[in-house]
N, C-alpha and C. Protein backbone atom coordinates (compact mmCIF):
# COMPACT_ATOMS: atom_id res chain seq x y z
N MET A 1 1.12 16.07 42.78
CA MET A 1 1.25 16.28 41.35
C MET A 1 1.74 15.00 40.66
N PHE A 2 2.72 14.33 41.26
CA PHE A 2 3.25 13.10 40.68
C PHE A 2 2.15 12.05 40.58
N GLU A 3 1.33 11.92 41.62
CA GLU A 3 0.23 10.96 41.61
C GLU A 3 -0.77 11.28 40.49
N TYR A 4 -1.03 12.57 40.30
CA TYR A 4 -1.96 12.99 39.25
C TYR A 4 -1.40 12.58 37.88
N LEU A 5 -0.13 12.86 37.65
CA LEU A 5 0.48 12.51 36.36
C LEU A 5 0.54 11.01 36.16
N LYS A 6 0.74 10.29 37.23
CA LYS A 6 0.79 8.83 37.15
C LYS A 6 -0.57 8.27 36.74
N LYS A 7 -1.65 8.85 37.29
CA LYS A 7 -3.00 8.39 36.97
C LYS A 7 -3.50 8.97 35.65
N ASN A 8 -3.04 10.14 35.25
CA ASN A 8 -3.50 10.82 34.04
C ASN A 8 -2.31 11.17 33.16
N PRO A 9 -1.80 10.20 32.41
CA PRO A 9 -0.64 10.50 31.58
C PRO A 9 -0.96 11.52 30.50
N SER A 10 0.06 12.12 29.99
CA SER A 10 -0.08 13.12 28.93
C SER A 10 -0.83 12.53 27.74
N PRO A 11 -1.67 13.31 27.08
CA PRO A 11 -2.35 12.80 25.88
C PRO A 11 -1.35 12.41 24.79
N LEU A 12 -0.16 12.96 24.87
CA LEU A 12 0.87 12.64 23.88
C LEU A 12 1.70 11.43 24.27
N TRP A 13 1.43 10.86 25.44
CA TRP A 13 2.24 9.75 25.93
C TRP A 13 2.27 8.60 24.93
N GLU A 14 1.10 8.23 24.41
CA GLU A 14 1.02 7.11 23.46
C GLU A 14 1.87 7.40 22.22
N LEU A 15 1.76 8.62 21.71
CA LEU A 15 2.54 9.01 20.54
C LEU A 15 4.03 9.03 20.84
N GLU A 16 4.40 9.56 22.00
CA GLU A 16 5.81 9.60 22.40
C GLU A 16 6.38 8.19 22.52
N GLN A 17 5.60 7.28 23.12
CA GLN A 17 6.06 5.90 23.27
C GLN A 17 6.21 5.23 21.91
N LYS A 18 5.27 5.49 21.01
CA LYS A 18 5.33 4.91 19.68
C LYS A 18 6.56 5.42 18.93
N GLU A 19 6.82 6.71 19.01
CA GLU A 19 8.00 7.27 18.34
C GLU A 19 9.29 6.70 18.93
N ARG A 20 9.33 6.57 20.26
CA ARG A 20 10.51 5.99 20.91
C ARG A 20 10.70 4.54 20.45
N PHE A 21 9.60 3.79 20.38
CA PHE A 21 9.68 2.41 19.94
C PHE A 21 10.19 2.32 18.50
N GLU A 22 9.64 3.17 17.62
CA GLU A 22 10.07 3.15 16.22
C GLU A 22 11.56 3.48 16.09
N GLN A 23 12.05 4.40 16.91
CA GLN A 23 13.48 4.74 16.89
C GLN A 23 14.30 3.55 17.36
N GLU A 24 13.86 2.90 18.45
CA GLU A 24 14.57 1.73 18.95
C GLU A 24 14.53 0.60 17.93
N LEU A 25 13.40 0.48 17.23
CA LEU A 25 13.27 -0.55 16.21
C LEU A 25 14.28 -0.32 15.09
N LYS A 26 14.45 0.94 14.68
CA LYS A 26 15.43 1.27 13.64
C LYS A 26 16.85 0.94 14.09
N GLU A 27 17.12 1.16 15.38
CA GLU A 27 18.46 0.95 15.91
C GLU A 27 18.67 -0.48 16.43
N ASP A 28 17.67 -1.35 16.27
CA ASP A 28 17.74 -2.73 16.76
C ASP A 28 18.01 -2.82 18.26
N LYS A 29 17.38 -1.96 19.03
CA LYS A 29 17.58 -1.94 20.47
C LYS A 29 16.33 -2.34 21.24
N TRP A 30 15.35 -2.91 20.61
CA TRP A 30 14.08 -3.15 21.28
C TRP A 30 14.07 -4.48 21.99
N ASP A 31 13.33 -4.52 23.08
CA ASP A 31 13.26 -5.68 23.95
C ASP A 31 11.92 -6.38 23.74
N MET A 32 11.93 -7.55 23.10
CA MET A 32 10.69 -8.25 22.81
C MET A 32 10.10 -8.95 24.03
N SER A 33 10.82 -8.98 25.15
CA SER A 33 10.24 -9.57 26.37
C SER A 33 9.21 -8.62 26.98
N ASN A 34 9.23 -7.37 26.55
CA ASN A 34 8.25 -6.40 27.02
C ASN A 34 6.98 -6.54 26.19
N PRO A 35 5.83 -6.90 26.81
CA PRO A 35 4.59 -7.07 26.05
C PRO A 35 4.17 -5.82 25.30
N ARG A 36 4.50 -4.66 25.83
CA ARG A 36 4.17 -3.39 25.17
C ARG A 36 4.87 -3.31 23.82
N ASN A 37 6.12 -3.76 23.77
CA ASN A 37 6.85 -3.73 22.51
C ASN A 37 6.23 -4.68 21.50
N ASN A 38 5.75 -5.84 21.95
CA ASN A 38 5.08 -6.77 21.04
C ASN A 38 3.86 -6.11 20.41
N HIS A 39 3.10 -5.41 21.23
CA HIS A 39 1.91 -4.72 20.74
C HIS A 39 2.29 -3.62 19.74
N LEU A 40 3.31 -2.85 20.06
CA LEU A 40 3.73 -1.78 19.15
C LEU A 40 4.30 -2.34 17.86
N LEU A 41 5.00 -3.47 17.95
CA LEU A 41 5.53 -4.11 16.74
C LEU A 41 4.38 -4.55 15.85
N MET A 42 3.34 -5.13 16.45
CA MET A 42 2.18 -5.55 15.68
C MET A 42 1.52 -4.34 15.01
N LEU A 43 1.38 -3.23 15.74
CA LEU A 43 0.80 -2.02 15.15
C LEU A 43 1.67 -1.48 14.01
N ALA A 44 2.99 -1.51 14.20
CA ALA A 44 3.90 -1.04 13.15
C ALA A 44 3.79 -1.91 11.90
N GLN A 45 3.64 -3.23 12.08
CA GLN A 45 3.49 -4.12 10.94
C GLN A 45 2.17 -3.87 10.22
N GLU A 46 1.10 -3.65 10.99
CA GLU A 46 -0.20 -3.34 10.39
C GLU A 46 -0.14 -2.03 9.62
N LYS A 47 0.53 -1.03 10.19
CA LYS A 47 0.66 0.26 9.53
C LYS A 47 1.42 0.11 8.21
N ALA A 48 2.49 -0.68 8.22
CA ALA A 48 3.28 -0.90 7.01
C ALA A 48 2.44 -1.62 5.95
N GLU A 49 1.64 -2.59 6.37
CA GLU A 49 0.78 -3.32 5.44
C GLU A 49 -0.27 -2.40 4.83
N VAL A 50 -0.87 -1.55 5.63
CA VAL A 50 -1.87 -0.59 5.13
C VAL A 50 -1.22 0.36 4.13
N GLU A 51 -0.03 0.84 4.46
CA GLU A 51 0.67 1.77 3.56
C GLU A 51 1.04 1.09 2.25
N ARG A 52 1.48 -0.18 2.31
CA ARG A 52 1.83 -0.93 1.10
C ARG A 52 0.58 -1.12 0.24
N THR A 53 -0.54 -1.47 0.86
CA THR A 53 -1.79 -1.65 0.13
C THR A 53 -2.25 -0.35 -0.51
N ARG A 54 -2.12 0.75 0.24
CA ARG A 54 -2.51 2.06 -0.29
C ARG A 54 -1.68 2.40 -1.53
N LYS A 55 -0.37 2.11 -1.49
CA LYS A 55 0.49 2.39 -2.65
C LYS A 55 0.12 1.52 -3.83
N GLU A 56 -0.18 0.24 -3.57
CA GLU A 56 -0.59 -0.66 -4.65
C GLU A 56 -1.86 -0.16 -5.33
N ILE A 57 -2.81 0.29 -4.53
CA ILE A 57 -4.07 0.81 -5.08
C ILE A 57 -3.80 2.05 -5.92
N GLU A 58 -2.95 2.92 -5.41
CA GLU A 58 -2.62 4.16 -6.15
C GLU A 58 -1.96 3.82 -7.48
N VAL A 59 -1.03 2.88 -7.48
CA VAL A 59 -0.34 2.50 -8.72
C VAL A 59 -1.33 1.88 -9.70
N SER A 60 -2.23 1.03 -9.20
CA SER A 60 -3.16 0.35 -10.10
C SER A 60 -4.20 1.30 -10.68
N ARG A 61 -4.43 2.43 -10.03
CA ARG A 61 -5.45 3.38 -10.50
C ARG A 61 -4.86 4.53 -11.30
N THR A 62 -3.55 4.66 -11.34
CA THR A 62 -2.91 5.76 -12.04
C THR A 62 -2.60 5.36 -13.48
N PRO A 63 -3.23 6.03 -14.47
CA PRO A 63 -2.95 5.69 -15.86
C PRO A 63 -1.52 6.05 -16.24
N ARG A 64 -0.90 5.16 -17.01
CA ARG A 64 0.46 5.38 -17.48
C ARG A 64 0.45 5.50 -19.00
N LEU A 65 1.42 6.23 -19.52
CA LEU A 65 1.49 6.45 -20.97
C LEU A 65 1.87 5.18 -21.72
N LEU A 66 1.46 5.12 -22.96
CA LEU A 66 1.76 3.99 -23.84
C LEU A 66 3.26 3.69 -23.86
N ASP A 67 4.09 4.74 -23.89
CA ASP A 67 5.55 4.57 -23.95
C ASP A 67 6.12 3.85 -22.73
N GLU A 68 5.39 3.84 -21.61
CA GLU A 68 5.88 3.21 -20.39
C GLU A 68 5.58 1.71 -20.35
N TRP A 69 4.79 1.21 -21.29
CA TRP A 69 4.46 -0.21 -21.31
C TRP A 69 5.61 -1.00 -21.91
N GLY A 70 5.86 -2.19 -21.37
CA GLY A 70 6.86 -3.11 -21.90
C GLY A 70 6.33 -4.53 -21.83
N ASP A 71 6.97 -5.44 -22.55
CA ASP A 71 6.53 -6.84 -22.60
C ASP A 71 6.37 -7.45 -21.20
N ASP A 72 7.19 -7.01 -20.26
CA ASP A 72 7.16 -7.59 -18.91
C ASP A 72 5.83 -7.36 -18.20
N TYR A 73 5.09 -6.32 -18.60
CA TYR A 73 3.81 -6.03 -17.96
C TYR A 73 2.71 -6.97 -18.44
N GLY A 74 2.87 -7.53 -19.64
CA GLY A 74 1.85 -8.44 -20.17
C GLY A 74 0.55 -7.72 -20.46
N ASP A 75 -0.56 -8.46 -20.33
CA ASP A 75 -1.87 -7.88 -20.59
C ASP A 75 -2.20 -6.82 -19.54
N VAL A 76 -2.71 -5.70 -20.00
CA VAL A 76 -3.12 -4.59 -19.13
C VAL A 76 -4.41 -4.02 -19.69
N LEU A 77 -4.98 -3.06 -18.99
CA LEU A 77 -6.18 -2.38 -19.49
C LEU A 77 -5.75 -1.10 -20.20
N TRP A 78 -6.22 -0.93 -21.43
CA TRP A 78 -5.85 0.22 -22.25
C TRP A 78 -7.00 1.20 -22.34
N TRP A 79 -6.67 2.48 -22.19
CA TRP A 79 -7.68 3.53 -22.14
C TRP A 79 -7.41 4.60 -23.19
N LYS A 80 -8.50 5.22 -23.65
CA LYS A 80 -8.41 6.42 -24.48
C LYS A 80 -9.17 7.50 -23.72
N PHE A 81 -8.53 8.65 -23.56
CA PHE A 81 -9.16 9.75 -22.82
C PHE A 81 -9.71 10.78 -23.78
N PRO A 82 -10.87 11.36 -23.49
CA PRO A 82 -11.73 11.06 -22.34
C PRO A 82 -12.34 9.66 -22.49
N ILE A 83 -12.66 9.04 -21.36
CA ILE A 83 -13.18 7.67 -21.37
C ILE A 83 -14.61 7.69 -21.90
N GLU A 84 -14.78 7.03 -23.04
CA GLU A 84 -16.09 6.95 -23.68
C GLU A 84 -16.48 5.50 -23.96
N GLU A 85 -15.58 4.57 -23.68
CA GLU A 85 -15.83 3.15 -23.94
C GLU A 85 -15.06 2.31 -22.93
N PRO A 86 -15.43 1.03 -22.78
CA PRO A 86 -14.68 0.17 -21.85
C PRO A 86 -13.23 0.03 -22.31
N PRO A 87 -12.33 -0.31 -21.40
CA PRO A 87 -10.93 -0.45 -21.79
C PRO A 87 -10.71 -1.69 -22.64
N TYR A 88 -9.65 -1.64 -23.44
CA TYR A 88 -9.21 -2.81 -24.19
C TYR A 88 -8.28 -3.59 -23.28
N CYS A 89 -8.44 -4.90 -23.21
CA CYS A 89 -7.58 -5.74 -22.39
C CYS A 89 -6.66 -6.52 -23.31
N GLY A 90 -5.35 -6.32 -23.12
CA GLY A 90 -4.38 -7.02 -23.95
C GLY A 90 -3.09 -6.25 -24.02
N THR A 91 -2.39 -6.41 -25.16
CA THR A 91 -1.10 -5.73 -25.36
C THR A 91 -1.08 -5.10 -26.74
N PRO A 92 -0.18 -4.15 -26.97
CA PRO A 92 -0.04 -3.58 -28.32
C PRO A 92 0.46 -4.60 -29.34
N LEU A 93 0.91 -5.75 -28.87
CA LEU A 93 1.41 -6.79 -29.78
C LEU A 93 0.29 -7.67 -30.31
N ASP A 94 -0.93 -7.52 -29.77
CA ASP A 94 -2.07 -8.33 -30.22
C ASP A 94 -2.45 -8.00 -31.65
N ALA A 95 -2.93 -9.01 -32.38
CA ALA A 95 -3.34 -8.82 -33.78
C ALA A 95 -4.53 -7.85 -33.89
N ASP A 96 -5.39 -7.84 -32.87
CA ASP A 96 -6.57 -6.97 -32.93
C ASP A 96 -6.39 -5.67 -32.13
N TRP A 97 -5.14 -5.28 -31.88
CA TRP A 97 -4.86 -4.03 -31.15
C TRP A 97 -5.48 -2.86 -31.88
N PRO A 98 -6.35 -2.07 -31.24
CA PRO A 98 -7.04 -0.97 -31.91
C PRO A 98 -6.14 0.21 -32.30
N ASP A 99 -5.00 0.38 -31.66
CA ASP A 99 -3.98 1.38 -32.02
C ASP A 99 -4.41 2.83 -31.78
N TYR A 100 -5.38 3.06 -30.94
CA TYR A 100 -5.73 4.45 -30.61
C TYR A 100 -5.71 4.70 -29.10
N HIS A 101 -5.39 3.71 -28.31
CA HIS A 101 -5.33 3.88 -26.86
C HIS A 101 -4.02 4.57 -26.48
N THR A 102 -4.10 5.45 -25.51
CA THR A 102 -2.93 6.26 -25.15
C THR A 102 -2.38 5.97 -23.76
N HIS A 103 -3.20 5.35 -22.90
CA HIS A 103 -2.80 5.10 -21.52
C HIS A 103 -3.18 3.68 -21.10
N TRP A 104 -2.51 3.19 -20.07
CA TRP A 104 -2.83 1.85 -19.56
C TRP A 104 -2.74 1.82 -18.04
N THR A 105 -3.44 0.84 -17.46
CA THR A 105 -3.35 0.56 -16.03
C THR A 105 -3.19 -0.95 -15.88
N PRO A 106 -2.47 -1.38 -14.85
CA PRO A 106 -2.32 -2.82 -14.65
C PRO A 106 -3.66 -3.45 -14.27
N ILE A 107 -3.79 -4.73 -14.52
CA ILE A 107 -4.98 -5.46 -14.11
C ILE A 107 -4.78 -5.86 -12.66
N THR A 108 -5.72 -5.51 -11.82
CA THR A 108 -5.65 -5.85 -10.41
C THR A 108 -6.25 -7.23 -10.20
N ILE A 109 -5.46 -8.14 -9.68
CA ILE A 109 -5.91 -9.51 -9.44
C ILE A 109 -6.34 -9.61 -7.98
N PRO A 110 -7.58 -10.00 -7.73
CA PRO A 110 -8.05 -10.08 -6.35
C PRO A 110 -7.34 -11.19 -5.58
N VAL A 111 -7.17 -10.97 -4.28
CA VAL A 111 -6.53 -11.95 -3.41
C VAL A 111 -7.57 -12.42 -2.40
N LEU A 112 -7.79 -13.72 -2.33
CA LEU A 112 -8.73 -14.28 -1.37
C LEU A 112 -8.01 -14.45 -0.03
N ARG A 113 -8.48 -13.75 0.97
CA ARG A 113 -7.88 -13.81 2.30
C ARG A 113 -8.41 -15.01 3.07
N GLU A 114 -7.66 -15.45 4.06
CA GLU A 114 -8.02 -16.63 4.84
C GLU A 114 -9.41 -16.52 5.44
N GLU A 115 -9.77 -15.36 5.98
CA GLU A 115 -11.07 -15.21 6.63
C GLU A 115 -12.22 -15.25 5.63
N GLN A 116 -11.94 -15.12 4.32
CA GLN A 116 -12.99 -15.15 3.31
C GLN A 116 -13.21 -16.55 2.76
N GLN A 117 -12.34 -17.48 3.06
CA GLN A 117 -12.43 -18.84 2.51
C GLN A 117 -13.42 -19.68 3.26
């Protein structure tokens, strides 16, 4: 039986090891001399990056009310719902501000990654 388990680990083994690693990482008890920990650390960093990107996308796509805009946001895209025309780009402080937009979203600036250069 031991030999069988040694050759065929539990399907949850990977998940259990990952959870154990994450707990050790929180407690600062992890051993970086172990190549497995290096791999798990890399996966944890990738997961954190994906989650951060997902949140950024969600924030950039969620319309916010006019009252939530402040000078610190600068130029943004202004919308009137239902959407029947392209957004106005600018601020309520602009001389040509149409004054009927009710919501805004930040302007998403693309980032050129190293592999794309």
